Amino acid sequence: MDPDRVGRDLVCLVLTVVELLRQLMERQALHRCDQGDVTDDQIERIGTTLMLLDERMDELCAQHGLTRDELNLDLGPLGTLLER
């Protein structure tokens, strides 16, 4: 086992989980907005927060030499884990 590869794989796994949670939060926020459960001010804050999270994910991927495509696990016949 290559120690550098193990560290990179661990970072990739952690970022994959974070990206999955980010996408789930985004979908939940859109669902709540569509249902009218949030105020205009809350919609603005949610949008800003989600945009900042997306930018931060790009920064973390770049910092560790990863692309978003590398975070997407292939689940075989089920397709891929993440939407993009």
PDB file of N, CA and C in Angstrom:
ATOM      1  N   MET A   1       0.830  -1.182   0.000  1.00  0.00           N
ATOM      2  CA  MET A   1       0.000   0.000   0.000  1.00  0.00           C
ATOM      3  C   MET A   1       0.879   1.251   0.000  1.00  0.00           C
ATOM      4  N   ASP A   2       0.520   2.167  -0.832  1.00  0.00           N
ATOM      5  CA  ASP A   2       1.227   3.432  -0.927  1.00  0.00           C
ATOM      6  C   ASP A   2       0.582   4.419   0.048  1.00  0.00           C
ATOM      7  N   PRO A   3       1.337   4.919   1.036  1.00  0.00           N
ATOM      8  CA  PRO A   3       0.767   5.836   2.029  1.00  0.00           C
ATOM      9  C   PRO A   3       0.147   7.096   1.406  1.00  0.00           C
ATOM     10  N   ASP A   4       0.761   7.609   0.342  1.00  0.00           N
ATOM     11  CA  ASP A   4       0.208   8.796  -0.309  1.00  0.00           C
ATOM     12  C   ASP A   4      -1.139   8.478  -0.952  1.00  0.00           C
ATOM     13  N   ARG A   5      -1.228   7.306  -1.546  1.00  0.00           N
ATOM     14  CA  ARG A   5      -2.473   6.894  -2.206  1.00  0.00           C
ATOM     15  C   ARG A   5      -3.583   6.663  -1.168  1.00  0.00           C
ATOM     16  N   VAL A   6      -3.229   6.080  -0.024  1.00  0.00           N
ATOM     17  CA  VAL A   6      -4.212   5.837   1.034  1.00  0.00           C
ATOM     18  C   VAL A   6      -4.777   7.161   1.532  1.00  0.00           C
ATOM     19  N   GLY A   7      -3.913   8.137   1.749  1.00  0.00           N
ATOM     20  CA  GLY A   7      -4.371   9.456   2.202  1.00  0.00           C
ATOM     21  C   GLY A   7      -5.277  10.119   1.182  1.00  0.00           C
ATOM     22  N   ARG A   8      -4.909  10.033  -0.092  1.00  0.00           N
ATOM     23  CA  ARG A   8      -5.721  10.636  -1.155  1.00  0.00           C
ATOM     24  C   ARG A   8      -7.074   9.935  -1.261  1.00  0.00           C
ATOM     25  N   ASP A   9      -7.060   8.599  -1.138  1.00  0.00           N
ATOM     26  CA  ASP A   9      -8.317   7.853  -1.197  1.00  0.00           C
ATOM     27  C   ASP A   9      -9.229   8.196  -0.026  1.00  0.00           C
ATOM     28  N   LEU A  10      -8.643   8.405   1.143  1.00  0.00           N
ATOM     29  CA  LEU A  10      -9.444   8.780   2.310  1.00  0.00           C
ATOM     30  C   LEU A  10     -10.064  10.159   2.121  1.00  0.00           C
ATOM     31  N   VAL A  11      -9.286  11.098   1.615  1.00  0.00           N
ATOM     32  CA  VAL A  11      -9.808  12.437   1.337  1.00  0.00           C
ATOM     33  C   VAL A  11     -10.932  12.343   0.305  1.00  0.00           C
ATOM     34  N   CYS A  12     -10.741  11.522  -0.706  1.00  0.00           N
ATOM     35  CA  CYS A  12     -11.760  11.349  -1.738  1.00  0.00           C
ATOM     36  C   CYS A  12     -13.052  10.798  -1.136  1.00  0.00           C
ATOM     37  N   LEU A  13     -12.932   9.816  -0.253  1.00  0.00           N
ATOM     38  CA  LEU A  13     -14.117   9.242   0.392  1.00  0.00           C
ATOM     39  C   LEU A  13     -14.842  10.274   1.252  1.00  0.00           C
ATOM     40  N   VAL A  14     -14.088  11.022   2.035  1.00  0.00           N
ATOM     41  CA  VAL A  14     -14.697  12.047   2.900  1.00  0.00           C
ATOM     42  C   VAL A  14     -15.393  13.109   2.050  1.00  0.00           C
ATOM     43  N   LEU A  15     -14.740  13.576   0.997  1.00  0.00           N
ATOM     44  CA  LEU A  15     -15.345  14.583   0.136  1.00  0.00           C
ATOM     45  C   LEU A  15     -16.565  14.037  -0.608  1.00  0.00           C
ATOM     46  N   THR A  16     -16.555  12.748  -0.919  1.00  0.00           N
ATOM     47  CA  THR A  16     -17.722  12.132  -1.546  1.00  0.00           C
ATOM     48  C   THR A  16     -18.915  12.186  -0.613  1.00  0.00           C
ATOM     49  N   VAL A  17     -18.708  11.852   0.646  1.00  0.00           N
ATOM     50  CA  VAL A  17     -19.795  11.896   1.634  1.00  0.00           C
ATOM     51  C   VAL A  17     -20.281  13.334   1.818  1.00  0.00           C
ATOM     52  N   VAL A  18     -19.351  14.272   1.900  1.00  0.00           N
ATOM     53  CA  VAL A  18     -19.728  15.683   2.051  1.00  0.00           C
ATOM     54  C   VAL A  18     -20.526  16.153   0.836  1.00  0.00           C
ATOM     55  N   GLU A  19     -20.101  15.775  -0.359  1.00  0.00           N
ATOM     56  CA  GLU A  19     -20.813  16.177  -1.575  1.00  0.00           C
ATOM     57  C   GLU A  19     -22.202  15.552  -1.629  1.00  0.00           C
ATOM     58  N   LEU A  20     -22.319  14.307  -1.214  1.00  0.00           N
ATOM     59  CA  LEU A  20     -23.635  13.661  -1.169  1.00  0.00           C
ATOM     60  C   LEU A  20     -24.563  14.410  -0.227  1.00  0.00           C
ATOM     61  N   LEU A  21     -24.080  14.758   0.945  1.00  0.00           N
ATOM     62  CA  LEU A  21     -24.892  15.515   1.910  1.00  0.00           C
ATOM     63  C   LEU A  21     -25.235  16.901   1.377  1.00  0.00           C
ATOM     64  N   ARG A  22     -24.297  17.546   0.697  1.00  0.00           N
ATOM     65  CA  ARG A  22     -24.558  18.866   0.128  1.00  0.00           C
ATOM     66  C   ARG A  22     -25.672  18.782  -0.904  1.00  0.00           C
ATOM     67  N   GLN A  23     -25.615  17.765  -1.761  1.00  0.00           N
ATOM     68  CA  GLN A  23     -26.651  17.613  -2.779  1.00  0.00           C
ATOM     69  C   GLN A  23     -28.010  17.296  -2.154  1.00  0.00           C
ATOM     70  N   LEU A  24     -28.018  16.480  -1.114  1.00  0.00           N
ATOM     71  CA  LEU A  24     -29.276  16.177  -0.428  1.00  0.00           C
ATOM     72  C   LEU A  24     -29.869  17.425   0.227  1.00  0.00           C
ATOM     73  N   MET A  25     -29.017  18.238   0.840  1.00  0.00           N
ATOM     74  CA  MET A  25     -29.482  19.488   1.441  1.00  0.00           C
ATOM     75  C   MET A  25     -30.044  20.422   0.377  1.00  0.00           C
ATOM     76  N   GLU A  26     -29.390  20.475  -0.767  1.00  0.00           N
ATOM     77  CA  GLU A  26     -29.853  21.327  -1.862  1.00  0.00           C
ATOM     78  C   GLU A  26     -31.229  20.874  -2.354  1.00  0.00           C
ATOM     79  N   ARG A  27     -31.400  19.580  -2.528  1.00  0.00           N
ATOM     80  CA  ARG A  27     -32.701  19.059  -2.973  1.00  0.00           C
ATOM     81  C   ARG A  27     -33.790  19.335  -1.948  1.00  0.00           C
ATOM     82  N   GLN A  28     -33.469  19.166  -0.669  1.00  0.00           N
ATOM     83  CA  GLN A  28     -34.446  19.429   0.386  1.00  0.00           C
ATOM     84  C   GLN A  28     -34.816  20.910   0.398  1.00  0.00           C
ATOM     85  N   ALA A  29     -33.849  21.774   0.239  1.00  0.00           N
ATOM     86  CA  ALA A  29     -34.120  23.215   0.223  1.00  0.00           C
ATOM     87  C   ALA A  29     -35.007  23.579  -0.965  1.00  0.00           C
ATOM     88  N   LEU A  30     -34.715  23.027  -2.126  1.00  0.00           N
ATOM     89  CA  LEU A  30     -35.546  23.301  -3.307  1.00  0.00           C
ATOM     90  C   LEU A  30     -36.974  22.790  -3.096  1.00  0.00           C
ATOM     91  N   HIS A  31     -37.093  21.643  -2.492  1.00  0.00           N
ATOM     92  CA  HIS A  31     -38.420  21.090  -2.212  1.00  0.00           C
ATOM     93  C   HIS A  31     -39.204  22.007  -1.273  1.00  0.00           C
ATOM     94  N   ARG A  32     -38.540  22.485  -0.228  1.00  0.00           N
ATOM     95  CA  ARG A  32     -39.208  23.395   0.714  1.00  0.00           C
ATOM     96  C   ARG A  32     -39.593  24.707   0.041  1.00  0.00           C
ATOM     97  N   CYS A  33     -38.735  25.205  -0.836  1.00  0.00           N
ATOM     98  CA  CYS A  33     -39.044  26.443  -1.560  1.00  0.00           C
ATOM     99  C   CYS A  33     -40.237  26.237  -2.481  1.00  0.00           C
ATOM    100  N   ASP A  34     -40.270  25.101  -3.170  1.00  0.00           N
ATOM    101  CA  ASP A  34     -41.385  24.811  -4.068  1.00  0.00           C
ATOM    102  C   ASP A  34     -42.701  24.697  -3.313  1.00  0.00           C
ATOM    103  N   GLN A  35     -42.649  24.205  -2.081  1.00  0.00           N
ATOM    104  CA  GLN A  35     -43.861  24.058  -1.280  1.00  0.00           C
ATOM    105  C   GLN A  35     -44.289  25.373  -0.625  1.00  0.00           C
ATOM    106  N   GLY A  36     -43.419  26.372  -0.669  1.00  0.00           N
ATOM    107  CA  GLY A  36     -43.754  27.653  -0.069  1.00  0.00           C
ATOM    108  C   GLY A  36     -43.580  27.679   1.441  1.00  0.00           C
ATOM    109  N   ASP A  37     -42.744  26.786   1.977  1.00  0.00           N
ATOM    110  CA  ASP A  37     -42.522  26.699   3.419  1.00  0.00           C
ATOM    111  C   ASP A  37     -41.515  27.721   3.947  1.00  0.00           C
ATOM    112  N   VAL A  38     -40.924  28.507   3.061  1.00  0.00           N
ATOM    113  CA  VAL A  38     -39.880  29.442   3.486  1.00  0.00           C
ATOM    114  C   VAL A  38     -40.200  30.848   2.985  1.00  0.00           C
ATOM    115  N   THR A  39     -39.690  31.818   3.711  1.00  0.00           N
ATOM    116  CA  THR A  39     -39.891  33.219   3.334  1.00  0.00           C
ATOM    117  C   THR A  39     -38.878  33.613   2.264  1.00  0.00           C
ATOM    118  N   ASP A  40     -39.091  34.764   1.661  1.00  0.00           N
ATOM    119  CA  ASP A  40     -38.146  35.262   0.652  1.00  0.00           C
ATOM    120  C   ASP A  40     -36.758  35.461   1.242  1.00  0.00           C
ATOM    121  N   ASP A  41     -36.699  35.952   2.491  1.00  0.00           N
ATOM    122  CA  ASP A  41     -35.414  36.153   3.158  1.00  0.00           C
ATOM    123  C   ASP A  41     -34.710  34.808   3.377  1.00  0.00           C
ATOM    124  N   GLN A  42     -35.464  33.797   3.776  1.00  0.00           N
ATOM    125  CA  GLN A  42     -34.877  32.473   3.974  1.00  0.00           C
ATOM    126  C   GLN A  42     -34.397  31.873   2.653  1.00  0.00           C
ATOM    127  N   ILE A  43     -35.148  32.086   1.588  1.00  0.00           N
ATOM    128  CA  ILE A  43     -34.742  31.603   0.270  1.00  0.00           C
ATOM    129  C   ILE A  43     -33.411  32.231  -0.129  1.00  0.00           C
ATOM    130  N   GLU A  44     -33.270  33.514   0.118  1.00  0.00           N
ATOM    131  CA  GLU A  44     -32.024  34.218  -0.207  1.00  0.00           C
ATOM    132  C   GLU A  44     -30.852  33.645   0.590  1.00  0.00           C
ATOM    133  N   ARG A  45     -31.057  33.420   1.882  1.00  0.00           N
ATOM    134  CA  ARG A  45     -29.986  32.864   2.725  1.00  0.00           C
ATOM    135  C   ARG A  45     -29.637  31.439   2.323  1.00  0.00           C
ATOM    136  N   ILE A  46     -30.650  30.641   2.016  1.00  0.00           N
ATOM    137  CA  ILE A  46     -30.411  29.259   1.584  1.00  0.00           C
ATOM    138  C   ILE A  46     -29.608  29.259   0.287  1.00  0.00           C
ATOM    139  N   GLY A  47     -30.008  30.096  -0.655  1.00  0.00           N
ATOM    140  CA  GLY A  47     -29.304  30.166  -1.930  1.00  0.00           C
ATOM    141  C   GLY A  47     -27.855  30.570  -1.760  1.00  0.00           C
ATOM    142  N   THR A  48     -27.613  31.566  -0.937  1.00  0.00           N
ATOM    143  CA  THR A  48     -26.246  32.029  -0.684  1.00  0.00           C
ATOM    144  C   THR A  48     -25.419  30.937  -0.020  1.00  0.00           C
ATOM    145  N   THR A  49     -25.993  30.282   0.972  1.00  0.00           N
ATOM    146  CA  THR A  49     -25.291  29.217   1.688  1.00  0.00           C
ATOM    147  C   THR A  49     -24.948  28.061   0.756  1.00  0.00           C
ATOM    148  N   LEU A  50     -25.903  27.648  -0.062  1.00  0.00           N
ATOM    149  CA  LEU A  50     -25.652  26.536  -0.983  1.00  0.00           C
ATOM    150  C   LEU A  50     -24.593  26.904  -2.022  1.00  0.00           C
ATOM    151  N   MET A  51     -24.606  28.139  -2.469  1.00  0.00           N
ATOM    152  CA  MET A  51     -23.611  28.595  -3.427  1.00  0.00           C
ATOM    153  C   MET A  51     -22.214  28.589  -2.795  1.00  0.00           C
ATOM    154  N   LEU A  52     -22.118  29.045  -1.551  1.00  0.00           N
ATOM    155  CA  LEU A  52     -20.828  29.050  -0.859  1.00  0.00           C
ATOM    156  C   LEU A  52     -20.333  27.623  -0.602  1.00  0.00           C
ATOM    157  N   LEU A  53     -21.236  26.718  -0.243  1.00  0.00           N
ATOM    158  CA  LEU A  53     -20.851  25.324  -0.046  1.00  0.00           C
ATOM    159  C   LEU A  53     -20.327  24.705  -1.337  1.00  0.00           C
ATOM    160  N   ASP A  54     -20.971  25.018  -2.445  1.00  0.00           N
ATOM    161  CA  ASP A  54     -20.537  24.508  -3.741  1.00  0.00           C
ATOM    162  C   ASP A  54     -19.136  25.029  -4.084  1.00  0.00           C
ATOM    163  N   GLU A  55     -18.909  26.303  -3.848  1.00  0.00           N
ATOM    164  CA  GLU A  55     -17.592  26.889  -4.103  1.00  0.00           C
ATOM    165  C   GLU A  55     -16.530  26.264  -3.205  1.00  0.00           C
ATOM    166  N   ARG A  56     -16.886  26.026  -1.951  1.00  0.00           N
ATOM    167  CA  ARG A  56     -15.934  25.437  -1.003  1.00  0.00           C
ATOM    168  C   ARG A  56     -15.574  24.016  -1.418  1.00  0.00           C
ATOM    169  N   MET A  57     -16.542  23.270  -1.945  1.00  0.00           N
ATOM    170  CA  MET A  57     -16.258  21.921  -2.435  1.00  0.00           C
ATOM    171  C   MET A  57     -15.261  21.980  -3.591  1.00  0.00           C
ATOM    172  N   ASP A  58     -15.439  22.949  -4.492  1.00  0.00           N
ATOM    173  CA  ASP A  58     -14.475  23.116  -5.592  1.00  0.00           C
ATOM    174  C   ASP A  58     -13.083  23.401  -5.048  1.00  0.00           C
ATOM    175  N   GLU A  59     -13.008  24.260  -4.030  1.00  0.00           N
ATOM    176  CA  GLU A  59     -11.721  24.600  -3.431  1.00  0.00           C
ATOM    177  C   GLU A  59     -11.069  23.384  -2.784  1.00  0.00           C
ATOM    178  N   LEU A  60     -11.853  22.606  -2.041  1.00  0.00           N
ATOM    179  CA  LEU A  60     -11.309  21.422  -1.382  1.00  0.00           C
ATOM    180  C   LEU A  60     -10.835  20.384  -2.396  1.00  0.00           C
ATOM    181  N   CYS A  61     -11.604  20.197  -3.450  1.00  0.00           N
ATOM    182  CA  CYS A  61     -11.191  19.261  -4.498  1.00  0.00           C
ATOM    183  C   CYS A  61      -9.877  19.717  -5.129  1.00  0.00           C
ATOM    184  N   ALA A  62      -9.784  20.990  -5.467  1.00  0.00           N
ATOM    185  CA  ALA A  62      -8.564  21.530  -6.075  1.00  0.00           C
ATOM    186  C   ALA A  62      -7.376  21.408  -5.121  1.00  0.00           C
ATOM    187  N   GLN A  63      -7.611  21.672  -3.852  1.00  0.00           N
ATOM    188  CA  GLN A  63      -6.552  21.602  -2.850  1.00  0.00           C
ATOM    189  C   GLN A  63      -5.964  20.190  -2.758  1.00  0.00           C
ATOM    190  N   HIS A  64      -6.797  19.188  -2.983  1.00  0.00           N
ATOM    191  CA  HIS A  64      -6.344  17.802  -2.868  1.00  0.00           C
ATOM    192  C   HIS A  64      -6.139  17.125  -4.220  1.00  0.00           C
ATOM    193  N   GLY A  65      -6.179  17.918  -5.290  1.00  0.00           N
ATOM    194  CA  GLY A  65      -5.917  17.392  -6.617  1.00  0.00           C
ATOM    195  C   GLY A  65      -6.987  16.444  -7.130  1.00  0.00           C
ATOM    196  N   LEU A  66      -8.224  16.701  -6.761  1.00  0.00           N
ATOM    197  CA  LEU A  66      -9.349  15.862  -7.169  1.00  0.00           C
ATOM    198  C   LEU A  66     -10.302  16.657  -8.046  1.00  0.00           C
ATOM    199  N   THR A  67     -11.080  15.938  -8.832  1.00  0.00           N
ATOM    200  CA  THR A  67     -12.168  16.566  -9.571  1.00  0.00           C
ATOM    201  C   THR A  67     -13.484  16.058  -8.994  1.00  0.00           C
ATOM    202  N   ARG A  68     -14.554  16.768  -9.282  1.00  0.00           N
ATOM    203  CA  ARG A  68     -15.869  16.318  -8.802  1.00  0.00           C
ATOM    204  C   ARG A  68     -16.221  14.955  -9.392  1.00  0.00           C
ATOM    205  N   ASP A  69     -15.767  14.694 -10.613  1.00  0.00           N
ATOM    206  CA  ASP A  69     -16.046  13.398 -11.240  1.00  0.00           C
ATOM    207  C   ASP A  69     -15.412  12.248 -10.461  1.00  0.00           C
ATOM    208  N   GLU A  70     -14.263  12.500  -9.857  1.00  0.00           N
ATOM    209  CA  GLU A  70     -13.592  11.461  -9.078  1.00  0.00           C
ATOM    210  C   GLU A  70     -14.351  11.127  -7.789  1.00  0.00           C
ATOM    211  N   LEU A  71     -15.219  12.018  -7.352  1.00  0.00           N
ATOM    212  CA  LEU A  71     -15.997  11.777  -6.139  1.00  0.00           C
ATOM    213  C   LEU A  71     -17.213  10.906  -6.407  1.00  0.00           C
ATOM    214  N   ASN A  72     -17.577  10.773  -7.656  1.00  0.00           N
ATOM    215  CA  ASN A  72     -18.801  10.072  -8.019  1.00  0.00           C
ATOM    216  C   ASN A  72     -18.547   8.571  -8.134  1.00  0.00           C
ATOM    217  N   LEU A  73     -19.072   7.819  -7.183  1.00  0.00           N
ATOM    218  CA  LEU A  73     -18.864   6.375  -7.167  1.00  0.00           C
ATOM    219  C   LEU A  73     -19.786   5.691  -8.161  1.00  0.00           C
ATOM    220  N   ASP A  74     -19.238   4.730  -8.873  1.00  0.00           N
ATOM    221  CA  ASP A  74     -20.028   3.932  -9.809  1.00  0.00           C
ATOM    222  C   ASP A  74     -20.648   2.782  -9.037  1.00  0.00           C
ATOM    223  N   LEU A  75     -21.977   2.731  -8.994  1.00  0.00           N
ATOM    224  CA  LEU A  75     -22.692   1.703  -8.250  1.00  0.00           C
ATOM    225  C   LEU A  75     -23.164   0.565  -9.157  1.00  0.00           C
ATOM    226  N   GLY A  76     -22.495   0.385 -10.264  1.00  0.00           N
ATOM    227  CA  GLY A  76     -22.838  -0.692 -11.189  1.00  0.00           C
ATOM    228  C   GLY A  76     -24.183  -0.467 -11.845  1.00  0.00           C
ATOM    229  N   PRO A  77     -25.058  -1.466 -11.775  1.00  0.00           N
ATOM    230  CA  PRO A  77     -26.350  -1.356 -12.459  1.00  0.00           C
ATOM    231  C   PRO A  77     -27.249  -0.250 -11.895  1.00  0.00           C
ATOM    232  N   LEU A  78     -26.938   0.234 -10.705  1.00  0.00           N
ATOM    233  CA  LEU A  78     -27.726   1.303 -10.109  1.00  0.00           C
ATOM    234  C   LEU A  78     -27.351   2.680 -10.659  1.00  0.00           C
ATOM    235  N   GLY A  79     -26.227   2.763 -11.334  1.00  0.00           N
ATOM    236  CA  GLY A  79     -25.757   4.050 -11.858  1.00  0.00           C
ATOM    237  C   GLY A  79     -24.695   4.634 -10.950  1.00  0.00           C
ATOM    238  N   THR A  80     -24.645   5.945 -10.911  1.00  0.00           N
ATOM    239  CA  THR A  80     -23.653   6.624 -10.078  1.00  0.00           C
ATOM    240  C   THR A  80     -24.294   7.166  -8.807  1.00  0.00           C
ATOM    241  N   LEU A  81     -23.481   7.392  -7.817  1.00  0.00           N
ATOM    242  CA  LEU A  81     -23.965   7.871  -6.524  1.00  0.00           C
ATOM    243  C   LEU A  81     -24.451   9.307  -6.586  1.00  0.00           C
ATOM    244  N   LEU A  82     -23.692  10.153  -7.254  1.00  0.00           N
ATOM    245  CA  LEU A  82     -23.966  11.587  -7.256  1.00  0.00           C
ATOM    246  C   LEU A  82     -24.548  12.057  -8.586  1.00  0.00           C
ATOM    247  N   GLU A  83     -25.386  13.062  -8.481  1.00  0.00           N
ATOM    248  CA  GLU A  83     -25.857  13.743  -9.691  1.00  0.00           C
ATOM    249  C   GLU A  83     -24.885  14.844 -10.013  1.00  0.00           C
ATOM    250  N   ARG A  84     -24.725  15.133 -11.295  1.00  0.00           N
ATOM    251  CA  ARG A  84     -23.862  16.273 -11.666  1.00  0.00           C
ATOM    252  C   ARG A  84     -24.301  16.792 -12.983  1.00  0.00           C
TER     253      ARG A  84
END
